[in-house]
Amino acid sequence: MSLIDHICGASRPILALLFTLVGSSSVSAMPECRQIFEESVAYTVCSIDPKEAEIRIHLADPNHAIYGGFDPLRRQLWAERRVLLIAMNAGMYHDDRSPVGYHVEYGQEIKSAVTGSGYGNFHLLPNGIFYMREGQPGVMETKAFLRSGIKPDFATQSGPMLVINGKLHPRFVPDSDSFKIRNGVGVDAEGRVHLVVSRSPVCFYDIARLFRDRLKSPNALYLDGTVSSLFDAATNRRDRLFPMGPIVSVSVPIPQ
């Protein structure tokens, strides 16, 4: 096994040892994923302070090869002297894994925003955009985002919105019979990013309430269902069940 396999797929103690050996005290501030229960449903919640770790959106490597999974991404980040801590699928994609909606990397727009109606969850309007700009995260309904004129460093569009300015999406109902493994992202009032994936099938209404009531996120966005996947270095979780399009990463530089 290579060094990258040891470190990038490491448990928290191994990550802690790496940082300790190079004289860094930042391990205590590393983002963590935890298991919580809400209304008898189990979720994995990864909470990130963007001041302590960098959040990016990815699709393809410098040679334009789509990552499609966590392992190629962590190898690329390692080549950039970064350690991947957490990653999650980050938006809906076509059969060729290209993004359905708005996608921005390093300030460059890869795909323009989609504002029209259509079939499927992406078009269960309003949908929305998760973005990073100068280290500050945000989730915003798509048309409001476009009106804002924000020029993000990284962004992904998906849908539907789960929570919009403190209110649940108007189409969600508590007695829905649509249950799937689902994942989403929200930003709370203190600027922390919450990446969430359910551990069992859940309806939109329930995961939206989790973001609003438990995670105190006034705006939250659904990322996808069924294909929902998580990488968590601290617990050595590396989901590989489905190919991926856009991916959100949480990483830190290897201390010098």
C-alpha atoms as a PDB file:
ATOM      1  CA  MET A   1       0.000   0.000   0.000  1.00  0.00           C
ATOM      2  CA  SER A   2       1.325   3.443  -0.930  1.00  0.00           C
ATOM      3  CA  LEU A   3       1.806   6.358   1.466  1.00  0.00           C
ATOM      4  CA  ILE A   4      -1.192   8.137  -0.049  1.00  0.00           C
ATOM      5  CA  ASP A   5      -3.375   5.108   0.712  1.00  0.00           C
ATOM      6  CA  HIS A   6      -2.190   5.120   4.310  1.00  0.00           C
ATOM      7  CA  ILE A   7      -2.795   8.828   4.826  1.00  0.00           C
ATOM      8  CA  CYS A   8      -5.784   9.663   2.621  1.00  0.00           C
ATOM      9  CA  GLY A   9      -7.722   6.647   3.822  1.00  0.00           C
ATOM     10  CA  ALA A  10      -6.485   6.981   7.365  1.00  0.00           C
ATOM     11  CA  SER A  11      -8.324   6.757  10.628  1.00  0.00           C
ATOM     12  CA  ARG A  12      -8.308   9.849  12.817  1.00  0.00           C
ATOM     13  CA  PRO A  13      -5.404   8.603  15.012  1.00  0.00           C
ATOM     14  CA  ILE A  14      -3.178   8.214  11.929  1.00  0.00           C
ATOM     15  CA  LEU A  15      -4.146  11.664  10.679  1.00  0.00           C
ATOM     16  CA  ALA A  16      -3.409  13.052  14.122  1.00  0.00           C
ATOM     17  CA  LEU A  17       0.006  11.407  14.117  1.00  0.00           C
ATOM     18  CA  LEU A  18       0.821  12.921  10.711  1.00  0.00           C
ATOM     19  CA  PHE A  19       0.033  16.418  11.884  1.00  0.00           C
ATOM     20  CA  THR A  20       1.783  15.946  15.224  1.00  0.00           C
ATOM     21  CA  LEU A  21       4.984  14.759  13.555  1.00  0.00           C
ATOM     22  CA  VAL A  22       5.158  17.920  11.492  1.00  0.00           C
ATOM     23  CA  GLY A  23       4.445  20.150  14.433  1.00  0.00           C
ATOM     24  CA  SER A  24       0.891  21.174  13.651  1.00  0.00           C
ATOM     25  CA  SER A  25      -1.786  21.703  16.295  1.00  0.00           C
ATOM     26  CA  SER A  26      -4.594  21.864  13.744  1.00  0.00           C
ATOM     27  CA  VAL A  27      -5.782  18.276  14.252  1.00  0.00           C
ATOM     28  CA  SER A  28      -8.047  19.293  17.127  1.00  0.00           C
ATOM     29  CA  ALA A  29      -9.830  21.689  14.777  1.00  0.00           C
ATOM     30  CA  MET A  30     -10.341  19.195  11.948  1.00  0.00           C
ATOM     31  CA  PRO A  31     -13.957  18.862  10.812  1.00  0.00           C
ATOM     32  CA  GLU A  32     -15.718  15.744  11.991  1.00  0.00           C
ATOM     33  CA  CYS A  33     -18.606  13.583  10.878  1.00  0.00           C
ATOM     34  CA  ARG A  34     -21.008  12.327  13.534  1.00  0.00           C
ATOM     35  CA  GLN A  35     -24.069  10.124  13.701  1.00  0.00           C
ATOM     36  CA  ILE A  36     -27.314  11.699  14.884  1.00  0.00           C
ATOM     37  CA  PHE A  37     -30.922  10.576  15.114  1.00  0.00           C
ATOM     38  CA  GLU A  38     -33.957  12.674  14.268  1.00  0.00           C
ATOM     39  CA  GLU A  39     -37.450  11.216  14.456  1.00  0.00           C
ATOM     40  CA  SER A  40     -35.890   7.716  14.623  1.00  0.00           C
ATOM     41  CA  VAL A  41     -33.972   8.274  11.377  1.00  0.00           C
ATOM     42  CA  ALA A  42     -30.166   8.027  11.457  1.00  0.00           C
ATOM     43  CA  TYR A  43     -28.028  10.566   9.611  1.00  0.00           C
ATOM     44  CA  THR A  44     -24.328  11.166   9.146  1.00  0.00           C
ATOM     45  CA  VAL A  45     -23.645  14.874   9.620  1.00  0.00           C
ATOM     46  CA  CYS A  46     -20.285  16.410   8.710  1.00  0.00           C
ATOM     47  CA  SER A  47     -19.898  19.945  10.049  1.00  0.00           C
ATOM     48  CA  ILE A  48     -17.143  22.150   8.681  1.00  0.00           C
ATOM     49  CA  ASP A  49     -15.847  25.535   9.746  1.00  0.00           C
ATOM     50  CA  PRO A  50     -14.527  26.964   6.458  1.00  0.00           C
ATOM     51  CA  LYS A  51     -11.879  28.866   8.426  1.00  0.00           C
ATOM     52  CA  GLU A  52     -10.320  25.542   9.466  1.00  0.00           C
ATOM     53  CA  ALA A  53     -10.533  23.566   6.202  1.00  0.00           C
ATOM     54  CA  GLU A  54     -10.974  24.444   2.556  1.00  0.00           C
ATOM     55  CA  ILE A  55     -14.161  23.509   0.721  1.00  0.00           C
ATOM     56  CA  ARG A  56     -14.029  23.055  -3.037  1.00  0.00           C
ATOM     57  CA  ILE A  57     -16.227  21.698  -5.825  1.00  0.00           C
ATOM     58  CA  HIS A  58     -14.680  19.327  -8.392  1.00  0.00           C
ATOM     59  CA  LEU A  59     -15.592  17.633 -11.637  1.00  0.00           C
ATOM     60  CA  ALA A  60     -12.421  16.799 -13.575  1.00  0.00           C
ATOM     61  CA  ASP A  61      -8.662  16.720 -13.042  1.00  0.00           C
ATOM     62  CA  PRO A  62      -6.141  19.036 -14.769  1.00  0.00           C
ATOM     63  CA  ASN A  63      -6.179  16.701 -17.779  1.00  0.00           C
ATOM     64  CA  HIS A  64      -9.981  17.062 -18.034  1.00  0.00           C
ATOM     65  CA  ALA A  65     -10.633  13.476 -16.928  1.00  0.00           C
ATOM     66  CA  ILE A  66     -13.771  13.358 -14.792  1.00  0.00           C
ATOM     67  CA  TYR A  67     -12.937  12.065 -11.320  1.00  0.00           C
ATOM     68  CA  GLY A  68     -16.036   9.898 -11.037  1.00  0.00           C
ATOM     69  CA  GLY A  69     -15.160   8.874  -7.487  1.00  0.00           C
ATOM     70  CA  PHE A  70     -13.268   9.766  -4.341  1.00  0.00           C
ATOM     71  CA  ASP A  71      -9.995   7.904  -4.940  1.00  0.00           C
ATOM     72  CA  PRO A  72      -8.892   9.851  -8.046  1.00  0.00           C
ATOM     73  CA  LEU A  73      -9.779  13.099  -6.277  1.00  0.00           C
ATOM     74  CA  ARG A  74      -7.795  12.330  -3.141  1.00  0.00           C
ATOM     75  CA  ARG A  75      -4.770  11.385  -5.280  1.00  0.00           C
ATOM     76  CA  GLN A  76      -4.992  14.703  -7.118  1.00  0.00           C
ATOM     77  CA  LEU A  77      -5.281  16.650  -3.871  1.00  0.00           C
ATOM     78  CA  TRP A  78      -2.323  14.725  -2.461  1.00  0.00           C
ATOM     79  CA  ALA A  79      -0.318  15.785  -5.535  1.00  0.00           C
ATOM     80  CA  GLU A  80      -1.263  19.347  -4.593  1.00  0.00           C
ATOM     81  CA  ARG A  81       0.064  18.728  -1.057  1.00  0.00           C
ATOM     82  CA  ARG A  82      -3.406  18.508   0.465  1.00  0.00           C
ATOM     83  CA  VAL A  83      -5.110  15.829   2.572  1.00  0.00           C
ATOM     84  CA  LEU A  84      -8.720  14.976   1.745  1.00  0.00           C
ATOM     85  CA  LEU A  85     -10.713  14.774   4.978  1.00  0.00           C
ATOM     86  CA  ILE A  86     -14.333  14.646   3.798  1.00  0.00           C
ATOM     87  CA  ALA A  87     -16.022  14.451   0.395  1.00  0.00           C
ATOM     88  CA  MET A  88     -19.544  13.932  -0.905  1.00  0.00           C
ATOM     89  CA  ASN A  89     -21.350  13.776  -4.236  1.00  0.00           C
ATOM     90  CA  ALA A  90     -22.408  17.340  -4.953  1.00  0.00           C
ATOM     91  CA  GLY A  91     -25.127  17.671  -7.530  1.00  0.00           C
ATOM     92  CA  MET A  92     -27.004  15.877 -10.263  1.00  0.00           C
ATOM     93  CA  TYR A  93     -25.313  14.809 -13.463  1.00  0.00           C
ATOM     94  CA  HIS A  94     -25.949  13.367 -16.919  1.00  0.00           C
ATOM     95  CA  ASP A  95     -24.954   9.895 -18.099  1.00  0.00           C
ATOM     96  CA  ASP A  96     -21.529  11.222 -19.072  1.00  0.00           C
ATOM     97  CA  ARG A  97     -21.247  12.586 -15.485  1.00  0.00           C
ATOM     98  CA  SER A  98     -21.289  16.204 -16.647  1.00  0.00           C
ATOM     99  CA  PRO A  99     -23.300  18.484 -14.324  1.00  0.00           C
ATOM    100  CA  VAL A 100     -26.972  19.108 -14.997  1.00  0.00           C
ATOM    101  CA  GLY A 101     -26.772  22.646 -13.659  1.00  0.00           C
ATOM    102  CA  TYR A 102     -24.474  25.516 -12.742  1.00  0.00           C
ATOM    103  CA  HIS A 103     -20.903  24.495 -12.032  1.00  0.00           C
ATOM    104  CA  VAL A 104     -17.936  26.704 -11.169  1.00  0.00           C
ATOM    105  CA  GLU A 105     -14.371  25.740 -10.294  1.00  0.00           C
ATOM    106  CA  TYR A 106     -11.615  28.207  -9.376  1.00  0.00           C
ATOM    107  CA  GLY A 107     -13.809  31.062 -10.579  1.00  0.00           C
ATOM    108  CA  GLN A 108     -14.354  29.523 -14.026  1.00  0.00           C
ATOM    109  CA  GLU A 109     -17.915  28.748 -15.104  1.00  0.00           C
ATOM    110  CA  ILE A 110     -18.005  25.210 -16.475  1.00  0.00           C
ATOM    111  CA  LYS A 111     -21.789  25.045 -16.913  1.00  0.00           C
ATOM    112  CA  SER A 112     -24.318  27.889 -16.848  1.00  0.00           C
ATOM    113  CA  ALA A 113     -27.282  27.942 -14.483  1.00  0.00           C
ATOM    114  CA  VAL A 114     -30.502  26.210 -15.469  1.00  0.00           C
ATOM    115  CA  THR A 115     -33.634  28.199 -14.608  1.00  0.00           C
ATOM    116  CA  GLY A 116     -36.380  26.515 -16.596  1.00  0.00           C
ATOM    117  CA  SER A 117     -38.814  23.790 -15.600  1.00  0.00           C
ATOM    118  CA  GLY A 118     -38.443  20.138 -16.487  1.00  0.00           C
ATOM    119  CA  TYR A 119     -38.676  16.583 -15.217  1.00  0.00           C
ATOM    120  CA  GLY A 120     -37.256  15.183 -11.992  1.00  0.00           C
ATOM    121  CA  ASN A 121     -36.112  16.454  -8.634  1.00  0.00           C
ATOM    122  CA  PHE A 122     -33.681  18.982 -10.102  1.00  0.00           C
ATOM    123  CA  HIS A 123     -36.647  20.840 -11.573  1.00  0.00           C
ATOM    124  CA  LEU A 124     -38.809  20.657  -8.453  1.00  0.00           C
ATOM    125  CA  LEU A 125     -38.611  24.435  -8.247  1.00  0.00           C
ATOM    126  CA  PRO A 126     -37.239  26.322  -6.562  1.00  0.00           C
ATOM    127  CA  ASN A 127     -33.869  24.672  -6.859  1.00  0.00           C
ATOM    128  CA  GLY A 128     -30.666  26.256  -5.674  1.00  0.00           C
ATOM    129  CA  ILE A 129     -26.913  26.753  -5.640  1.00  0.00           C
ATOM    130  CA  PHE A 130     -24.264  25.945  -3.041  1.00  0.00           C
ATOM    131  CA  TYR A 131     -21.213  28.152  -3.453  1.00  0.00           C
ATOM    132  CA  MET A 132     -17.946  29.274  -1.928  1.00  0.00           C
ATOM    133  CA  ARG A 133     -16.672  32.811  -2.406  1.00  0.00           C
ATOM    134  CA  GLU A 134     -13.438  33.990  -0.789  1.00  0.00           C
ATOM    135  CA  GLY A 135     -13.780  31.249   1.802  1.00  0.00           C
ATOM    136  CA  GLN A 136     -17.365  32.122   2.677  1.00  0.00           C
ATOM    137  CA  PRO A 137     -20.083  29.521   2.021  1.00  0.00           C
ATOM    138  CA  GLY A 138     -23.647  30.079   0.944  1.00  0.00           C
ATOM    139  CA  VAL A 139     -26.795  28.308  -0.210  1.00  0.00           C
ATOM    140  CA  MET A 140     -29.261  30.340  -2.245  1.00  0.00           C
ATOM    141  CA  GLU A 141     -32.301  29.773  -4.435  1.00  0.00           C
ATOM    142  CA  THR A 142     -31.123  29.854  -8.059  1.00  0.00           C
ATOM    143  CA  LYS A 143     -32.900  32.963  -9.311  1.00  0.00           C
ATOM    144  CA  ALA A 144     -31.991  34.901  -6.167  1.00  0.00           C
ATOM    145  CA  PHE A 145     -28.380  33.847  -6.633  1.00  0.00           C
ATOM    146  CA  LEU A 146     -28.346  35.063 -10.224  1.00  0.00           C
ATOM    147  CA  ARG A 147     -29.892  38.385  -9.195  1.00  0.00           C
ATOM    148  CA  SER A 148     -27.255  38.796  -6.481  1.00  0.00           C
ATOM    149  CA  GLY A 149     -24.401  39.038  -8.956  1.00  0.00           C
ATOM    150  CA  ILE A 150     -22.190  36.856  -6.754  1.00  0.00           C
ATOM    151  CA  LYS A 151     -19.116  35.561  -8.595  1.00  0.00           C
ATOM    152  CA  PRO A 152     -18.202  32.372  -6.750  1.00  0.00           C
ATOM    153  CA  ASP A 153     -14.893  30.567  -6.633  1.00  0.00           C
ATOM    154  CA  PHE A 154     -16.732  27.234  -6.517  1.00  0.00           C
ATOM    155  CA  ALA A 155     -20.397  26.398  -7.030  1.00  0.00           C
ATOM    156  CA  THR A 156     -22.828  23.612  -7.836  1.00  0.00           C
ATOM    157  CA  GLN A 157     -26.529  23.701  -8.676  1.00  0.00           C
ATOM    158  CA  SER A 158     -29.000  21.029  -7.643  1.00  0.00           C
ATOM    159  CA  GLY A 159     -32.571  20.742  -6.540  1.00  0.00           C
ATOM    160  CA  PRO A 160     -34.900  21.048  -4.938  1.00  0.00           C
ATOM    161  CA  MET A 161     -34.064  23.534  -2.215  1.00  0.00           C
ATOM    162  CA  LEU A 162     -34.794  21.929   1.147  1.00  0.00           C
ATOM    163  CA  VAL A 163     -35.036  25.102   3.223  1.00  0.00           C
ATOM    164  CA  ILE A 164     -35.563  28.598   1.813  1.00  0.00           C
ATOM    165  CA  ASN A 165     -35.051  31.525   4.182  1.00  0.00           C
ATOM    166  CA  GLY A 166     -36.168  29.435   7.151  1.00  0.00           C
ATOM    167  CA  LYS A 167     -39.155  27.795   5.441  1.00  0.00           C
ATOM    168  CA  LEU A 168     -39.446  24.290   4.065  1.00  0.00           C
ATOM    169  CA  HIS A 169     -39.876  23.863   0.321  1.00  0.00           C
ATOM    170  CA  PRO A 170     -43.599  24.443  -0.385  1.00  0.00           C
ATOM    171  CA  ARG A 171     -44.006  21.107  -2.188  1.00  0.00           C
ATOM    172  CA  PHE A 172     -42.865  18.961   0.743  1.00  0.00           C
ATOM    173  CA  VAL A 173     -45.492  17.092   2.762  1.00  0.00           C
ATOM    174  CA  PRO A 174     -44.985  15.096   5.974  1.00  0.00           C
ATOM    175  CA  ASP A 175     -46.935  12.063   4.729  1.00  0.00           C
ATOM    176  CA  SER A 176     -44.934  11.634   1.508  1.00  0.00           C
ATOM    177  CA  ASP A 177     -44.391   8.047   0.374  1.00  0.00           C
ATOM    178  CA  SER A 178     -41.152   8.864  -1.521  1.00  0.00           C
ATOM    179  CA  PHE A 179     -38.321   7.444   0.575  1.00  0.00           C
ATOM    180  CA  LYS A 180     -34.691   7.264  -0.567  1.00  0.00           C
ATOM    181  CA  ILE A 181     -31.189   7.582   0.808  1.00  0.00           C
ATOM    182  CA  ARG A 182     -30.670  11.331   0.395  1.00  0.00           C
ATOM    183  CA  ASN A 183     -27.929  13.885   0.944  1.00  0.00           C
ATOM    184  CA  GLY A 184     -27.790  17.646   1.117  1.00  0.00           C
ATOM    185  CA  VAL A 185     -25.878  20.707   2.245  1.00  0.00           C
ATOM    186  CA  GLY A 186     -26.789  23.617   4.476  1.00  0.00           C
ATOM    187  CA  VAL A 187     -25.087  26.658   5.981  1.00  0.00           C
ATOM    188  CA  ASP A 188     -26.000  27.773   9.482  1.00  0.00           C
ATOM    189  CA  ALA A 189     -26.103  31.304  10.887  1.00  0.00           C
ATOM    190  CA  GLU A 190     -22.499  31.008  12.117  1.00  0.00           C
ATOM    191  CA  GLY A 191     -21.224  30.140   8.654  1.00  0.00           C
ATOM    192  CA  ARG A 192     -20.626  26.433   9.251  1.00  0.00           C
ATOM    193  CA  VAL A 193     -21.296  24.064   6.392  1.00  0.00           C
ATOM    194  CA  HIS A 194     -23.271  20.894   7.158  1.00  0.00           C
ATOM    195  CA  LEU A 195     -22.978  17.972   4.741  1.00  0.00           C
ATOM    196  CA  VAL A 196     -25.627  15.376   5.516  1.00  0.00           C
ATOM    197  CA  VAL A 197     -26.414  11.906   4.214  1.00  0.00           C
ATOM    198  CA  SER A 198     -29.201   9.732   5.604  1.00  0.00           C
ATOM    199  CA  ARG A 199     -28.317   6.221   6.721  1.00  0.00           C
ATOM    200  CA  SER A 200     -31.733   4.877   5.716  1.00  0.00           C
ATOM    201  CA  PRO A 201     -34.390   6.008   3.229  1.00  0.00           C
ATOM    202  CA  VAL A 202     -35.986   9.322   4.150  1.00  0.00           C
ATOM    203  CA  CYS A 203     -38.499  11.694   2.553  1.00  0.00           C
ATOM    204  CA  PHE A 204     -37.762  15.303   1.573  1.00  0.00           C
ATOM    205  CA  TYR A 205     -39.860  16.707   4.414  1.00  0.00           C
ATOM    206  CA  ASP A 206     -37.859  14.922   7.100  1.00  0.00           C
ATOM    207  CA  ILE A 207     -34.375  15.790   5.858  1.00  0.00           C
ATOM    208  CA  ALA A 208     -35.476  19.393   5.309  1.00  0.00           C
ATOM    209  CA  ARG A 209     -36.689  19.592   8.915  1.00  0.00           C
ATOM    210  CA  LEU A 210     -33.354  18.213  10.080  1.00  0.00           C
ATOM    211  CA  PHE A 211     -31.529  21.082   8.387  1.00  0.00           C
ATOM    212  CA  ARG A 212     -33.924  23.754   9.607  1.00  0.00           C
ATOM    213  CA  ASP A 213     -34.674  22.619  13.146  1.00  0.00           C
ATOM    214  CA  ARG A 214     -31.664  20.581  14.257  1.00  0.00           C
ATOM    215  CA  LEU A 215     -28.799  22.093  12.239  1.00  0.00           C
ATOM    216  CA  LYS A 216     -30.239  25.637  12.278  1.00  0.00           C
ATOM    217  CA  SER A 217     -29.626  26.144   8.569  1.00  0.00           C
ATOM    218  CA  PRO A 218     -31.983  28.800   7.146  1.00  0.00           C
ATOM    219  CA  ASN A 219     -31.058  27.668   3.644  1.00  0.00           C
ATOM    220  CA  ALA A 220     -30.296  24.098   2.607  1.00  0.00           C
ATOM    221  CA  LEU A 221     -30.050  22.293  -0.718  1.00  0.00           C
ATOM    222  CA  TYR A 222     -30.781  18.717  -1.767  1.00  0.00           C
ATOM    223  CA  LEU A 223     -27.820  17.221  -3.593  1.00  0.00           C
ATOM    224  CA  ASP A 224     -29.082  13.818  -4.732  1.00  0.00           C
ATOM    225  CA  GLY A 225     -30.729  10.556  -3.743  1.00  0.00           C
ATOM    226  CA  THR A 226     -29.880   6.863  -4.060  1.00  0.00           C
ATOM    227  CA  VAL A 227     -26.372   7.657  -5.346  1.00  0.00           C
ATOM    228  CA  SER A 228     -25.603   9.588  -2.129  1.00  0.00           C
ATOM    229  CA  SER A 229     -21.996   8.819  -1.160  1.00  0.00           C
ATOM    230  CA  LEU A 230     -19.550   9.923   1.524  1.00  0.00           C
ATOM    231  CA  PHE A 231     -15.790   9.882   2.083  1.00  0.00           C
ATOM    232  CA  ASP A 232     -14.710  10.349   5.694  1.00  0.00           C
ATOM    233  CA  ALA A 233     -11.001   9.835   6.336  1.00  0.00           C
ATOM    234  CA  ALA A 234     -11.427   9.794  10.112  1.00  0.00           C
ATOM    235  CA  THR A 235     -13.647   6.703  10.026  1.00  0.00           C
ATOM    236  CA  ASN A 236     -12.191   5.237   6.816  1.00  0.00           C
ATOM    237  CA  ARG A 237     -15.568   5.414   5.094  1.00  0.00           C
ATOM    238  CA  ARG A 238     -15.153   5.431   1.305  1.00  0.00           C
ATOM    239  CA  ASP A 239     -18.414   4.767  -0.531  1.00  0.00           C
ATOM    240  CA  ARG A 240     -17.837   3.374  -4.027  1.00  0.00           C
ATOM    241  CA  LEU A 241     -21.273   2.098  -5.044  1.00  0.00           C
ATOM    242  CA  PHE A 242     -22.012   4.625  -7.788  1.00  0.00           C
ATOM    243  CA  PRO A 243     -20.041   6.756 -10.268  1.00  0.00           C
ATOM    244  CA  MET A 244     -20.203  10.467  -9.483  1.00  0.00           C
ATOM    245  CA  GLY A 245     -20.292  13.765 -11.302  1.00  0.00           C
ATOM    246  CA  PRO A 246     -19.632  16.892  -9.193  1.00  0.00           C
ATOM    247  CA  ILE A 247     -17.950  16.274  -5.823  1.00  0.00           C
ATOM    248  CA  VAL A 248     -17.537  18.597  -2.841  1.00  0.00           C
ATOM    249  CA  SER A 249     -14.279  18.210  -0.946  1.00  0.00           C
ATOM    250  CA  VAL A 250     -13.015  19.290   2.461  1.00  0.00           C
ATOM    251  CA  SER A 251      -9.239  19.322   2.652  1.00  0.00           C
ATOM    252  CA  VAL A 252      -6.294  20.817   4.490  1.00  0.00           C
ATOM    253  CA  PRO A 253      -2.725  21.450   3.355  1.00  0.00           C
ATOM    254  CA  ILE A 254      -0.007  19.063   4.449  1.00  0.00           C
ATOM    255  CA  PRO A 255       1.873  21.109   7.053  1.00  0.00           C
ATOM    256  CA  GLN A 256       5.361  22.129   6.004  1.00  0.00           C
END
